[in-house]
PDB file of N, CA and C in Angstrom:
ATOM      1  N   GLY A   1     -14.337   6.620  -4.323  1.00  0.00           N
ATOM      2  CA  GLY A   1     -13.634   6.816  -4.972  1.00  0.00           C
ATOM      3  C   GLY A   1     -13.308   7.091  -6.578  1.00  0.00           C
ATOM      4  N   SER A   2     -12.408   7.386  -7.063  1.00  0.00           N
ATOM      5  CA  SER A   2     -11.988   7.440  -8.248  1.00  0.00           C
ATOM      6  C   SER A   2     -12.034   6.276  -9.009  1.00  0.00           C
ATOM      7  N   PRO A   3     -13.103   5.976 -10.212  1.00  0.00           N
ATOM      8  CA  PRO A   3     -13.523   4.753 -11.022  1.00  0.00           C
ATOM      9  C   PRO A   3     -11.971   4.082 -11.756  1.00  0.00           C
ATOM     10  N   TYR A   4     -11.200   4.957 -12.002  1.00  0.00           N
ATOM     11  CA  TYR A   4     -10.001   4.850 -12.333  1.00  0.00           C
ATOM     12  C   TYR A   4      -8.861   4.641 -11.705  1.00  0.00           C
ATOM     13  N   ARG A   5      -9.123   4.513 -10.360  1.00  0.00           N
ATOM     14  CA  ARG A   5      -7.815   4.185  -9.208  1.00  0.00           C
ATOM     15  C   ARG A   5      -7.896   2.540  -9.081  1.00  0.00           C
ATOM     16  N   ILE A   6      -6.642   2.215  -9.291  1.00  0.00           N
ATOM     17  CA  ILE A   6      -6.499   0.799  -9.090  1.00  0.00           C
ATOM     18  C   ILE A   6      -5.441   0.327  -8.329  1.00  0.00           C
ATOM     19  N   PHE A   7      -4.919  -0.881  -7.628  1.00  0.00           N
ATOM     20  CA  PHE A   7      -4.067  -1.102  -6.791  1.00  0.00           C
ATOM     21  C   PHE A   7      -3.541  -2.648  -7.423  1.00  0.00           C
ATOM     22  N   ALA A   8      -2.376  -3.126  -7.661  1.00  0.00           N
ATOM     23  CA  ALA A   8      -1.689  -3.950  -8.197  1.00  0.00           C
ATOM     24  C   ALA A   8      -0.537  -4.523  -6.827  1.00  0.00           C
ATOM     25  N   THR A   9      -0.924  -5.583  -6.653  1.00  0.00           N
ATOM     26  CA  THR A   9       0.096  -5.879  -5.348  1.00  0.00           C
ATOM     27  C   THR A   9       1.301  -7.544  -6.082  1.00  0.00           C
ATOM     28  N   GLY A  10       2.002  -7.643  -5.348  1.00  0.00           N
ATOM     29  CA  GLY A  10       2.990  -8.790  -5.645  1.00  0.00           C
ATOM     30  C   GLY A  10       4.032  -8.684  -4.935  1.00  0.00           C
ATOM     31  N   ARG A  11       5.420  -8.464  -5.062  1.00  0.00           N
ATOM     32  CA  ARG A  11       6.331  -8.154  -4.714  1.00  0.00           C
ATOM     33  C   ARG A  11       6.168  -6.615  -4.024  1.00  0.00           C
ATOM     34  N   TRP A  12       5.528  -5.801  -5.011  1.00  0.00           N
ATOM     35  CA  TRP A  12       5.311  -4.403  -4.775  1.00  0.00           C
ATOM     36  C   TRP A  12       4.291  -3.972  -4.501  1.00  0.00           C
ATOM     37  N   LEU A  13       3.808  -2.787  -3.964  1.00  0.00           N
ATOM     38  CA  LEU A  13       2.810  -2.324  -4.035  1.00  0.00           C
ATOM     39  C   LEU A  13       2.558  -1.076  -5.111  1.00  0.00           C
ATOM     40  N   TRP A  14       1.663  -1.224  -5.951  1.00  0.00           N
ATOM     41  CA  TRP A  14       1.340  -0.337  -7.216  1.00  0.00           C
ATOM     42  C   TRP A  14      -0.196   0.395  -7.064  1.00  0.00           C
ATOM     43  N   ARG A  15       0.048   2.010  -7.526  1.00  0.00           N
ATOM     44  CA  ARG A  15      -1.337   2.536  -7.704  1.00  0.00           C
ATOM     45  C   ARG A  15      -1.465   2.987  -9.251  1.00  0.00           C
ATOM     46  N   SER A  16      -2.182   3.134  -9.804  1.00  0.00           N
ATOM     47  CA  SER A  16      -2.962   3.676 -10.912  1.00  0.00           C
ATOM     48  C   SER A  16      -3.748   4.712 -10.484  1.00  0.00           C
ATOM     49  N   GLU A  17      -3.515   5.889 -11.129  1.00  0.00           N
ATOM     50  CA  GLU A  17      -4.646   6.742 -11.045  1.00  0.00           C
ATOM     51  C   GLU A  17      -5.660   6.795 -12.451  1.00  0.00           C
ATOM     52  N   ASP A  18      -5.178   6.403 -13.785  1.00  0.00           N
ATOM     53  CA  ASP A  18      -6.064   6.349 -14.737  1.00  0.00           C
ATOM     54  C   ASP A  18      -6.091   5.086 -15.360  1.00  0.00           C
ATOM     55  N   GLY A  19      -6.368   4.159 -14.650  1.00  0.00           N
ATOM     56  CA  GLY A  19      -7.335   2.935 -15.070  1.00  0.00           C
ATOM     57  C   GLY A  19      -6.171   2.157 -15.428  1.00  0.00           C
ATOM     58  N   GLY A  20      -4.952   2.450 -15.414  1.00  0.00           N
ATOM     59  CA  GLY A  20      -3.725   1.120 -15.669  1.00  0.00           C
ATOM     60  C   GLY A  20      -2.689   1.549 -16.428  1.00  0.00           C
ATOM     61  N   ARG A  21      -2.962   3.008 -17.186  1.00  0.00           N
ATOM     62  CA  ARG A  21      -2.073   3.356 -18.255  1.00  0.00           C
ATOM     63  C   ARG A  21      -0.525   3.581 -17.662  1.00  0.00           C
ATOM     64  N   SER A  22      -0.539   4.178 -16.124  1.00  0.00           N
ATOM     65  CA  SER A  22       0.768   4.414 -15.815  1.00  0.00           C
ATOM     66  C   SER A  22       0.745   4.139 -14.091  1.00  0.00           C
ATOM     67  N   TRP A  23       1.466   3.796 -13.591  1.00  0.00           N
ATOM     68  CA  TRP A  23       1.766   3.133 -12.264  1.00  0.00           C
ATOM     69  C   TRP A  23       2.822   3.711 -11.535  1.00  0.00           C
ATOM     70  N   VAL A  24       2.635   3.886  -9.910  1.00  0.00           N
ATOM     71  CA  VAL A  24       3.309   4.242  -9.228  1.00  0.00           C
ATOM     72  C   VAL A  24       3.325   3.419  -7.976  1.00  0.00           C
ATOM     73  N   ASN A  25       5.027   3.253  -7.719  1.00  0.00           N
ATOM     74  CA  ASN A  25       5.384   2.092  -6.831  1.00  0.00           C
ATOM     75  C   ASN A  25       5.035   2.820  -5.461  1.00  0.00           C
ATOM     76  N   LEU A  26       4.246   2.368  -4.719  1.00  0.00           N
ATOM     77  CA  LEU A  26       3.925   3.132  -3.352  1.00  0.00           C
ATOM     78  C   LEU A  26       4.804   2.295  -2.284  1.00  0.00           C
ATOM     79  N   ILE A  27       5.458   1.605  -2.167  1.00  0.00           N
ATOM     80  CA  ILE A  27       6.513   1.030  -1.189  1.00  0.00           C
ATOM     81  C   ILE A  27       7.903   1.141  -1.278  1.00  0.00           C
ATOM     82  N   ALA A  28       8.459   1.733  -2.391  1.00  0.00           N
ATOM     83  CA  ALA A  28       9.840   2.081  -3.212  1.00  0.00           C
ATOM     84  C   ALA A  28      10.061   3.447  -2.927  1.00  0.00           C
ATOM     85  N   GLN A  29      11.222   3.716  -2.504  1.00  0.00           N
ATOM     86  CA  GLN A  29      11.867   5.070  -2.858  1.00  0.00           C
ATOM     87  C   GLN A  29      13.429   4.654  -2.951  1.00  0.00           C
ATOM     88  N   GLY A  30      13.750   4.659  -4.322  1.00  0.00           N
ATOM     89  CA  GLY A  30      14.956   4.324  -4.947  1.00  0.00           C
ATOM     90  C   GLY A  30      15.309   2.677  -4.684  1.00  0.00           C
ATOM     91  N   GLN A  31      16.102   2.430  -4.078  1.00  0.00           N
ATOM     92  CA  GLN A  31      16.565   1.249  -3.829  1.00  0.00           C
ATOM     93  C   GLN A  31      15.693   0.871  -2.284  1.00  0.00           C
ATOM     94  N   THR A  32      15.217   1.951  -1.796  1.00  0.00           N
ATOM     95  CA  THR A  32      14.775   1.094  -0.331  1.00  0.00           C
ATOM     96  C   THR A  32      13.261   1.017   0.058  1.00  0.00           C
ATOM     97  N   GLN A  33      13.371  -0.333   0.674  1.00  0.00           N
ATOM     98  CA  GLN A  33      11.815  -0.414   0.493  1.00  0.00           C
ATOM     99  C   GLN A  33      10.945   0.141   1.860  1.00  0.00           C
ATOM    100  N   LEU A  34      10.328   0.825   1.683  1.00  0.00           N
ATOM    101  CA  LEU A  34       9.507   1.939   2.824  1.00  0.00           C
ATOM    102  C   LEU A  34       9.141   0.784   3.801  1.00  0.00           C
ATOM    103  N   ILE A  35       8.193  -0.419   3.702  1.00  0.00           N
ATOM    104  CA  ILE A  35       7.639  -0.884   4.510  1.00  0.00           C
ATOM    105  C   ILE A  35       7.656  -2.460   4.196  1.00  0.00           C
ATOM    106  N   GLY A  36       8.911  -2.873   3.427  1.00  0.00           N
ATOM    107  CA  GLY A  36       9.090  -4.082   2.977  1.00  0.00           C
ATOM    108  C   GLY A  36       8.391  -4.739   1.704  1.00  0.00           C
ATOM    109  N   GLU A  37       8.962  -5.797   0.931  1.00  0.00           N
ATOM    110  CA  GLU A  37       8.321  -5.917  -0.032  1.00  0.00           C
ATOM    111  C   GLU A  37       7.796  -7.371   0.233  1.00  0.00           C
ATOM    112  N   GLN A  38       6.987  -7.765  -0.962  1.00  0.00           N
ATOM    113  CA  GLN A  38       6.101  -9.002  -1.025  1.00  0.00           C
ATOM    114  C   GLN A  38       4.811  -8.917   0.014  1.00  0.00           C
ATOM    115  N   ILE A  39       4.048  -8.012  -0.792  1.00  0.00           N
ATOM    116  CA  ILE A  39       2.978  -7.909  -0.120  1.00  0.00           C
ATOM    117  C   ILE A  39       1.901  -9.291  -0.351  1.00  0.00           C
ATOM    118  N   LEU A  40       1.532  -9.210   1.323  1.00  0.00           N
ATOM    119  CA  LEU A  40       0.993 -10.571   1.455  1.00  0.00           C
ATOM    120  C   LEU A  40      -0.825 -10.388   1.606  1.00  0.00           C
ATOM    121  N   GLY A  41      -1.259  -9.190   1.724  1.00  0.00           N
ATOM    122  CA  GLY A  41      -2.465  -8.868   1.804  1.00  0.00           C
ATOM    123  C   GLY A  41      -3.083  -7.258   1.832  1.00  0.00           C
ATOM    124  N   ILE A  42      -3.941  -7.263   1.459  1.00  0.00           N
ATOM    125  CA  ILE A  42      -4.363  -5.501   1.345  1.00  0.00           C
ATOM    126  C   ILE A  42      -5.703  -5.635   1.722  1.00  0.00           C
ATOM    127  N   ALA A  43      -5.914  -3.979   2.419  1.00  0.00           N
ATOM    128  CA  ALA A  43      -7.735  -4.027   2.801  1.00  0.00           C
ATOM    129  C   ALA A  43      -7.764  -2.449   2.604  1.00  0.00           C
ATOM    130  N   LEU A  44      -8.866  -2.251   1.777  1.00  0.00           N
ATOM    131  CA  LEU A  44      -9.002  -0.937   1.113  1.00  0.00           C
ATOM    132  C   LEU A  44     -10.542  -0.580   2.372  1.00  0.00           C
ATOM    133  N   SER A  45     -10.535   0.660   2.705  1.00  0.00           N
ATOM    134  CA  SER A  45     -11.883   1.364   2.973  1.00  0.00           C
ATOM    135  C   SER A  45     -12.786   1.616   2.099  1.00  0.00           C
ATOM    136  N   ALA A  46     -13.831   1.160   2.372  1.00  0.00           N
ATOM    137  CA  ALA A  46     -15.271   1.354   1.566  1.00  0.00           C
ATOM    138  C   ALA A  46     -15.627   2.929   2.057  1.00  0.00           C
ATOM    139  N   GLN A  47     -15.338   3.448   2.772  1.00  0.00           N
ATOM    140  CA  GLN A  47     -15.734   4.807   3.507  1.00  0.00           C
ATOM    141  C   GLN A  47     -14.711   5.777   2.760  1.00  0.00           C
ATOM    142  N   ASP A  48     -13.708   5.585   2.554  1.00  0.00           N
ATOM    143  CA  ASP A  48     -12.416   6.457   2.232  1.00  0.00           C
ATOM    144  C   ASP A  48     -11.216   5.736   1.498  1.00  0.00           C
ATOM    145  N   PRO A  49     -11.483   6.187  -0.049  1.00  0.00           N
ATOM    146  CA  PRO A  49     -10.616   5.626  -0.952  1.00  0.00           C
ATOM    147  C   PRO A  49      -9.509   5.790  -0.605  1.00  0.00           C
ATOM    148  N   ASP A  50      -8.521   6.642   0.447  1.00  0.00           N
ATOM    149  CA  ASP A  50      -7.112   6.981   0.851  1.00  0.00           C
ATOM    150  C   ASP A  50      -6.984   6.300   1.590  1.00  0.00           C
ATOM    151  N   ARG A  51      -7.618   5.240   2.401  1.00  0.00           N
ATOM    152  CA  ARG A  51      -7.443   4.444   3.685  1.00  0.00           C
ATOM    153  C   ARG A  51      -6.771   3.263   3.195  1.00  0.00           C
ATOM    154  N   LEU A  52      -5.783   2.929   3.276  1.00  0.00           N
ATOM    155  CA  LEU A  52      -5.320   1.461   3.014  1.00  0.00           C
ATOM    156  C   LEU A  52      -4.919   0.795   4.112  1.00  0.00           C
ATOM    157  N   ALA A  53      -4.715  -0.621   4.142  1.00  0.00           N
ATOM    158  CA  ALA A  53      -3.783  -1.513   5.157  1.00  0.00           C
ATOM    159  C   ALA A  53      -3.174  -2.114   4.348  1.00  0.00           C
ATOM    160  N   VAL A  54      -1.966  -3.195   4.741  1.00  0.00           N
ATOM    161  CA  VAL A  54      -1.287  -3.790   3.572  1.00  0.00           C
ATOM    162  C   VAL A  54      -0.553  -4.876   4.995  1.00  0.00           C
ATOM    163  N   ILE A  55      -0.282  -5.845   4.731  1.00  0.00           N
ATOM    164  CA  ILE A  55       0.737  -6.820   5.449  1.00  0.00           C
ATOM    165  C   ILE A  55       1.632  -7.505   4.676  1.00  0.00           C
ATOM    166  N   THR A  56       2.955  -7.108   5.012  1.00  0.00           N
ATOM    167  CA  THR A  56       3.954  -7.387   4.436  1.00  0.00           C
ATOM    168  C   THR A  56       4.931  -8.311   5.424  1.00  0.00           C
ATOM    169  N   ARG A  57       5.894  -8.840   4.646  1.00  0.00           N
ATOM    170  CA  ARG A  57       6.605 -10.085   5.751  1.00  0.00           C
ATOM    171  C   ARG A  57       7.353  -9.403   6.836  1.00  0.00           C
ATOM    172  N   GLU A  58       7.288  -7.892   6.655  1.00  0.00           N
ATOM    173  CA  GLU A  58       8.031  -7.071   7.898  1.00  0.00           C
ATOM    174  C   GLU A  58       6.867  -6.787   8.895  1.00  0.00           C
ATOM    175  N   GLY A  59       5.239  -6.750   8.381  1.00  0.00           N
ATOM    176  CA  GLY A  59       4.627  -6.142   9.331  1.00  0.00           C
ATOM    177  C   GLY A  59       3.242  -5.764   8.712  1.00  0.00           C
ATOM    178  N   LEU A  60       2.775  -5.271   9.758  1.00  0.00           N
ATOM    179  CA  LEU A  60       1.394  -4.688   9.011  1.00  0.00           C
ATOM    180  C   LEU A  60       1.396  -2.934   9.341  1.00  0.00           C
ATOM    181  N   TRP A  61       0.970  -2.659   7.757  1.00  0.00           N
ATOM    182  CA  TRP A  61       1.455  -0.833   7.488  1.00  0.00           C
ATOM    183  C   TRP A  61      -0.167  -0.303   7.379  1.00  0.00           C
ATOM    184  N   ALA A  62      -0.227   1.020   7.217  1.00  0.00           N
ATOM    185  CA  ALA A  62      -1.634   1.902   7.070  1.00  0.00           C
ATOM    186  C   ALA A  62      -1.031   2.785   6.524  1.00  0.00           C
ATOM    187  N   SER A  63      -1.880   3.476   5.540  1.00  0.00           N
ATOM    188  CA  SER A  63      -1.913   4.748   4.909  1.00  0.00           C
ATOM    189  C   SER A  63      -3.218   5.205   5.076  1.00  0.00           C
ATOM    190  N   ASN A  64      -3.375   6.787   5.203  1.00  0.00           N
ATOM    191  CA  ASN A  64      -4.310   7.726   5.061  1.00  0.00           C
ATOM    192  C   ASN A  64      -4.397   8.655   3.732  1.00  0.00           C
ATOM    193  N   ASP A  65      -3.288   8.183   3.018  1.00  0.00           N
ATOM    194  CA  ASP A  65      -3.498   9.249   1.854  1.00  0.00           C
ATOM    195  C   ASP A  65      -3.047   8.543   0.470  1.00  0.00           C
ATOM    196  N   GLY A  66      -3.621   6.966   0.634  1.00  0.00           N
ATOM    197  CA  GLY A  66      -3.511   6.468  -0.856  1.00  0.00           C
ATOM    198  C   GLY A  66      -2.153   5.742  -1.152  1.00  0.00           C
ATOM    199  N   GLY A  67      -1.488   5.559  -0.010  1.00  0.00           N
ATOM    200  CA  GLY A  67      -0.019   4.925   0.031  1.00  0.00           C
ATOM    201  C   GLY A  67       0.954   5.821  -0.240  1.00  0.00           C
ATOM    202  N   ASP A  68       0.625   6.983  -0.157  1.00  0.00           N
ATOM    203  CA  ASP A  68       1.815   8.030  -0.284  1.00  0.00           C
ATOM    204  C   ASP A  68       2.675   7.983   0.814  1.00  0.00           C
ATOM    205  N   SER A  69       2.105   7.937   1.934  1.00  0.00           N
ATOM    206  CA  SER A  69       3.268   7.798   3.238  1.00  0.00           C
ATOM    207  C   SER A  69       2.231   6.636   4.184  1.00  0.00           C
ATOM    208  N   TRP A  70       3.114   6.247   5.303  1.00  0.00           N
ATOM    209  CA  TRP A  70       2.655   4.692   5.867  1.00  0.00           C
ATOM    210  C   TRP A  70       3.038   5.254   7.287  1.00  0.00           C
ATOM    211  N   PHE A  71       2.655   4.357   7.810  1.00  0.00           N
ATOM    212  CA  PHE A  71       2.609   4.232   9.397  1.00  0.00           C
ATOM    213  C   PHE A  71       2.454   2.770   9.840  1.00  0.00           C
ATOM    214  N   SER A  72       2.973   2.454  10.818  1.00  0.00           N
ATOM    215  CA  SER A  72       3.315   1.149  11.131  1.00  0.00           C
ATOM    216  C   SER A  72       2.013   0.781  12.337  1.00  0.00           C
ATOM    217  N   LEU A  73       1.468  -0.615  12.078  1.00  0.00           N
ATOM    218  CA  LEU A  73       0.494  -0.966  12.939  1.00  0.00           C
ATOM    219  C   LEU A  73       1.244  -1.855  13.919  1.00  0.00           C
ATOM    220  N   ASN A  74       2.588  -2.151  14.259  1.00  0.00           N
ATOM    221  CA  ASN A  74       3.264  -3.487  14.510  1.00  0.00           C
ATOM    222  C   ASN A  74       2.948  -3.344  15.757  1.00  0.00           C
ATOM    223  N   ALA A  75       2.958  -2.191  16.331  1.00  0.00           N
ATOM    224  CA  ALA A  75       2.991  -1.871  18.246  1.00  0.00           C
ATOM    225  C   ALA A  75       2.392  -2.852  18.972  1.00  0.00           C
ATOM    226  N   GLY A  76       2.789  -4.059  19.800  1.00  0.00           N
ATOM    227  CA  GLY A  76       2.005  -4.815  20.376  1.00  0.00           C
ATOM    228  C   GLY A  76       1.610  -6.401  19.785  1.00  0.00           C
ATOM    229  N   LEU A  77       2.315  -6.149  18.404  1.00  0.00           N
ATOM    230  CA  LEU A  77       1.783  -7.784  17.914  1.00  0.00           C
ATOM    231  C   LEU A  77       2.915  -8.456  18.011  1.00  0.00           C
ATOM    232  N   PRO A  78       2.802 -10.013  18.183  1.00  0.00           N
ATOM    233  CA  PRO A  78       3.695 -11.072  18.352  1.00  0.00           C
ATOM    234  C   PRO A  78       4.789 -10.745  17.321  1.00  0.00           C
ATOM    235  N   ASN A  79       5.927 -11.077  17.295  1.00  0.00           N
ATOM    236  CA  ASN A  79       6.986 -11.393  15.974  1.00  0.00           C
ATOM    237  C   ASN A  79       6.711 -12.466  15.085  1.00  0.00           C
TER     238      ASN A  79
END
């Protein structure tokens, strides 16, 4: 992927496409938390820079477009 793309985690998940000069929150839309807050872990694909998975207190989520949209991987997992 781009050497300028970086991610930052904590309460939220952020992505920068310009080496950290500007940031986009990937899991909030206004006051709505799309997949929950408090990122507990993140995995990035070595083959496809747009594929990533995160785990939050609300479950396991994946994205195929760099975090612009998310789908749940929670089906069949224990609570």
